[in-house]
Protein backbone atom coordinates (compact mmCIF):
# COMPACT_ATOMS: atom_id res chain seq x y z
CA MET A 1 103.95 115.79 84.39
CA ARG A 2 103.89 116.93 88.02
CA ARG A 3 100.29 118.13 87.62
CA PHE A 4 99.30 114.75 86.19
CA VAL A 5 100.89 112.87 89.09
CA THR A 6 99.29 115.21 91.63
CA GLY A 7 95.86 114.75 90.02
CA LEU A 8 96.32 110.98 90.01
CA LEU A 9 97.20 110.98 93.70
CA ILE A 10 94.07 113.02 94.48
CA LEU A 11 91.92 110.54 92.57
CA LEU A 12 93.48 107.64 94.45
CA VAL A 13 92.87 109.30 97.81
CA VAL A 14 89.23 110.00 96.90
CA ALA A 15 88.77 106.39 95.73
CA VAL A 16 90.19 105.01 98.98
CA GLU A 17 88.01 107.35 101.04
CA TYR A 18 84.92 106.35 99.06
CA SER A 19 85.69 102.66 99.48
CA THR A 20 86.17 103.09 103.22
CA ALA A 21 82.95 105.08 103.48
CA ALA A 22 81.08 102.42 101.54
CA ASP A 23 82.25 99.66 103.85
CA SER A 24 81.53 101.72 106.96
CA ARG A 25 77.84 102.14 106.02
CA VAL A 26 77.16 98.56 107.08
CA GLU A 27 75.66 98.69 110.57
CA ARG A 28 77.65 96.18 112.60
CA GLN A 29 76.24 97.21 115.96
CA MET A 30 72.49 97.84 116.07
CA THR A 31 72.06 100.56 118.69
CA PRO A 32 68.54 101.54 119.86
CA GLU A 33 68.70 104.61 117.60
CA ILE A 34 69.64 102.56 114.51
CA ILE A 35 66.95 99.99 115.31
CA GLU A 36 64.34 102.76 115.40
CA GLU A 37 65.64 104.09 112.08
CA ALA A 38 65.36 100.63 110.49
CA ILE A 39 61.79 100.25 111.82
CA ARG A 40 60.84 103.64 110.37
CA MET A 41 62.28 102.67 106.99
CA GLY A 42 60.39 99.37 106.94
CA SER A 43 57.18 101.11 107.99
CA THR A 44 57.33 103.90 105.40
CA GLU A 45 59.35 102.61 102.43
CA LYS A 46 59.43 99.56 100.18
CA VAL A 47 62.45 97.46 101.20
CA LYS A 48 63.92 94.26 99.79
CA PRO A 49 66.89 92.01 100.58
CA TYR A 50 70.04 93.00 98.74
CA LYS A 51 70.92 91.22 95.48
CA ALA A 52 74.07 89.32 94.58
CA ILE A 53 74.46 88.99 90.80
CA PHE A 54 75.75 86.32 88.43
CA GLY A 55 75.33 87.54 84.84
CA SER A 56 71.69 87.45 83.78
CA SER A 57 70.79 84.37 85.80
CA GLN A 58 68.58 84.21 88.88
CA PRO A 59 70.33 86.21 91.64
CA CYS A 60 70.80 85.12 95.21
CA TYR A 61 70.03 87.52 98.03
CA TYR A 62 71.65 88.67 101.26
CA SER A 63 70.75 90.72 104.30
CA THR A 64 72.41 92.71 107.06
CA PRO A 65 71.05 93.39 110.56
CA PHE A 66 69.66 96.78 109.47
CA ILE A 67 67.73 95.49 106.48
CA ARG A 68 66.44 92.45 108.42
CA VAL A 69 64.83 94.77 110.98
CA ALA A 70 63.40 96.92 108.18
CA LEU A 71 62.00 93.83 106.43
CA ALA A 72 60.43 92.59 109.67
CA ALA A 73 58.77 95.97 110.20
CA GLN A 74 57.52 95.97 106.61
CA ASP A 75 56.09 92.46 106.98
CA ALA A 76 54.30 93.45 110.19
CA LYS A 77 52.75 96.49 108.50
CA ARG A 78 51.51 94.37 105.56
CA ASN A 79 49.77 92.09 108.05
CA TYR A 80 48.28 94.99 110.03
CA LYS A 81 50.39 94.20 113.08
CA PRO A 82 52.31 96.63 115.31
CA PHE A 83 56.10 96.39 115.33
CA THR A 84 58.34 98.14 117.84
CA ALA A 85 61.87 97.76 119.18
CA ALA A 86 60.46 95.26 121.69
CA ASP A 87 59.66 92.92 118.78
CA VAL A 88 63.22 92.93 117.45
CA THR A 89 64.81 89.55 118.15
CA GLU A 90 68.49 88.72 118.63
CA ASP A 91 68.45 86.80 115.35
CA LEU A 92 67.46 89.96 113.47
CA ILE A 93 70.23 92.15 114.90
CA ALA A 94 73.03 89.58 115.22
CA PRO A 95 76.19 90.94 113.51
CA GLU A 96 75.79 88.48 110.65
CA LEU A 97 75.52 88.41 106.89
CA HIS A 98 72.65 86.11 105.84
CA VAL A 99 72.77 84.67 102.32
CA TYR A 100 69.71 83.16 100.63
CA ALA A 101 70.59 80.81 97.75
CA GLU A 102 67.50 79.53 95.97
CA ALA A 103 66.90 76.24 94.23
CA HIS A 104 65.89 76.90 90.64
CA GLU A 105 63.89 75.37 87.83
CA VAL A 106 65.30 73.91 84.63
CA ARG A 107 63.11 74.50 81.60
CA THR A 108 63.00 72.82 78.20
CA LEU A 109 64.44 74.97 75.44
CA ARG A 110 64.73 72.72 72.38
CA SER A 111 61.36 71.01 71.96
CA PRO A 112 58.86 73.32 70.19
CA LEU A 113 55.96 71.54 71.90
CA LYS A 114 57.39 71.78 75.41
CA ARG A 115 59.45 74.97 75.17
CA GLY A 116 59.56 76.66 78.56
CA GLU A 117 58.18 73.63 80.37
CA VAL A 118 59.73 72.73 83.74
CA ARG A 119 61.74 69.52 83.39
CA ASP A 120 63.84 69.51 86.58
CA ALA A 121 64.76 71.43 89.73
CA ILE A 122 68.32 72.02 90.89
CA GLY A 123 69.15 72.38 94.58
CA VAL A 124 71.99 73.90 96.58
CA THR A 125 74.68 71.83 98.32
CA ALA A 126 77.02 74.54 99.64
CA VAL A 127 77.29 78.31 100.11
CA VAL A 128 80.57 80.07 100.99
CA VAL A 129 82.04 83.57 100.80
CA ALA A 130 85.47 83.84 99.18
CA ARG A 131 88.00 86.31 97.87
CA LYS A 132 87.34 86.98 94.20
CA LYS A 133 88.98 84.32 91.98
CA ALA A 134 90.64 82.73 95.02
CA LYS A 135 91.08 78.94 95.02
CA GLU A 136 92.88 78.41 98.33
CA PRO A 137 90.80 77.25 101.35
CA ASP A 138 92.43 79.99 103.46
CA ASN A 139 90.54 82.59 101.39
CA VAL A 140 87.15 80.91 101.84
CA ILE A 141 84.78 81.73 104.70
CA GLN A 142 82.55 78.85 105.75
CA PRO A 143 79.07 79.62 107.13
CA LEU A 144 78.47 79.75 110.86
CA ARG A 145 75.33 77.69 110.24
CA THR A 146 72.99 76.77 107.40
CA LEU A 147 69.30 76.05 107.01
CA ALA A 148 67.83 73.90 104.24
CA VAL A 149 64.85 75.40 102.39
CA PRO A 150 62.87 72.67 100.53
CA VAL A 151 60.90 73.69 97.44
CA SER A 152 58.80 71.82 94.90
CA VAL A 153 57.63 72.81 91.43
CA LYS A 154 55.03 71.20 89.18
CA ASN A 155 54.85 71.39 85.42
CA LEU A 156 51.75 71.42 83.20
CA PHE A 157 51.79 67.63 82.93
CA GLY A 158 51.57 67.19 86.71
CA ALA A 159 55.17 66.08 87.26
CA VAL A 160 56.58 67.36 90.55
CA PHE A 161 60.26 68.23 91.01
CA GLU A 162 61.74 68.77 94.46
CA ALA A 163 64.96 70.53 95.42
CA THR A 164 66.49 72.30 98.39
CA GLY A 165 67.71 75.87 98.63
CA MET A 166 69.88 77.12 101.47
CA THR A 167 70.13 80.00 103.93
CA ALA A 168 73.66 80.54 105.28
CA ALA A 169 74.85 82.85 108.05
CA PHE A 170 78.34 84.41 108.04
CA PRO A 171 80.16 86.95 110.22
CA ILE A 172 79.14 90.45 109.09
CA ASP A 173 82.76 91.22 108.14
CA ALA A 174 82.44 88.68 105.31
CA LEU A 175 80.61 91.43 103.41
CA ASP A 176 83.40 93.09 101.44
CA ASN A 177 84.03 94.57 97.98
CA ASP A 178 86.83 92.08 97.42
CA ARG A 179 84.68 89.03 98.14
CA GLU A 180 81.94 87.11 96.37
CA ILE A 181 79.29 84.54 97.24
CA ARG A 182 79.90 81.09 95.78
CA VAL A 183 77.02 78.65 95.46
CA VAL A 184 77.50 74.97 94.61
CA TYR A 185 74.51 73.16 93.08
CA THR A 186 73.36 69.56 92.99
CA ASN A 187 74.26 69.31 89.29
CA GLY A 188 77.92 69.93 90.20
CA LYS A 189 78.04 73.47 88.84
CA GLU A 190 79.22 76.49 90.79
CA ARG A 191 78.35 80.16 90.45
CA ALA A 192 80.14 83.18 91.88
CA PHE A 193 77.75 86.02 92.76
CA ARG A 194 79.07 89.54 93.21
CA PHE A 195 77.64 91.86 95.87
CA GLU A 196 75.57 94.50 94.06
CA GLY A 197 75.67 98.16 95.15
CA ILE A 198 77.70 97.42 98.27
CA GLY A 199 78.29 101.14 98.79
CA ARG A 200 74.56 101.55 99.50
CA VAL A 201 74.32 98.56 101.85
CA ARG A 202 73.47 99.18 105.48
């Protein structure tokens, strides 16, 4: 019994250390050395914003200061432009979590003749970060600011549907294993997206 308890304690200690290490990977302060590392990554590797998942539906995305710099460097390389530390703006390295919640299409499923045809577009009305399963306002983090992202989609019959996605900025400490992104849509529905692979996030 004593061996079992000792082994369990070791596992718990390892789990706590792993969790702490995972959280500490997020670069909260972008020093010149870390900025150069992010630029090298964006210039030599394929990088994408991080995903936040809700079942099998369309994910939303988020970024940290490190990955924003890497993405900017990658974009510059694709457009045959130089990118150095002098091109890194305050917006890129601000200690913020940026969440990108997209408007999405609604497609016809029942009609055999129109199956898969776009019949509507649903926009975003709110984005918050909250403790998992929490309902109290005290456990909800409101964005520092938001930016509307209008989109329009057209179906095969020429009908155009317009909706608005949203980019929301939060303090970087909002990124946590115990939290989730909640997105409220114009149809009144809400989805809770979990941070994917947070232990690998920088």
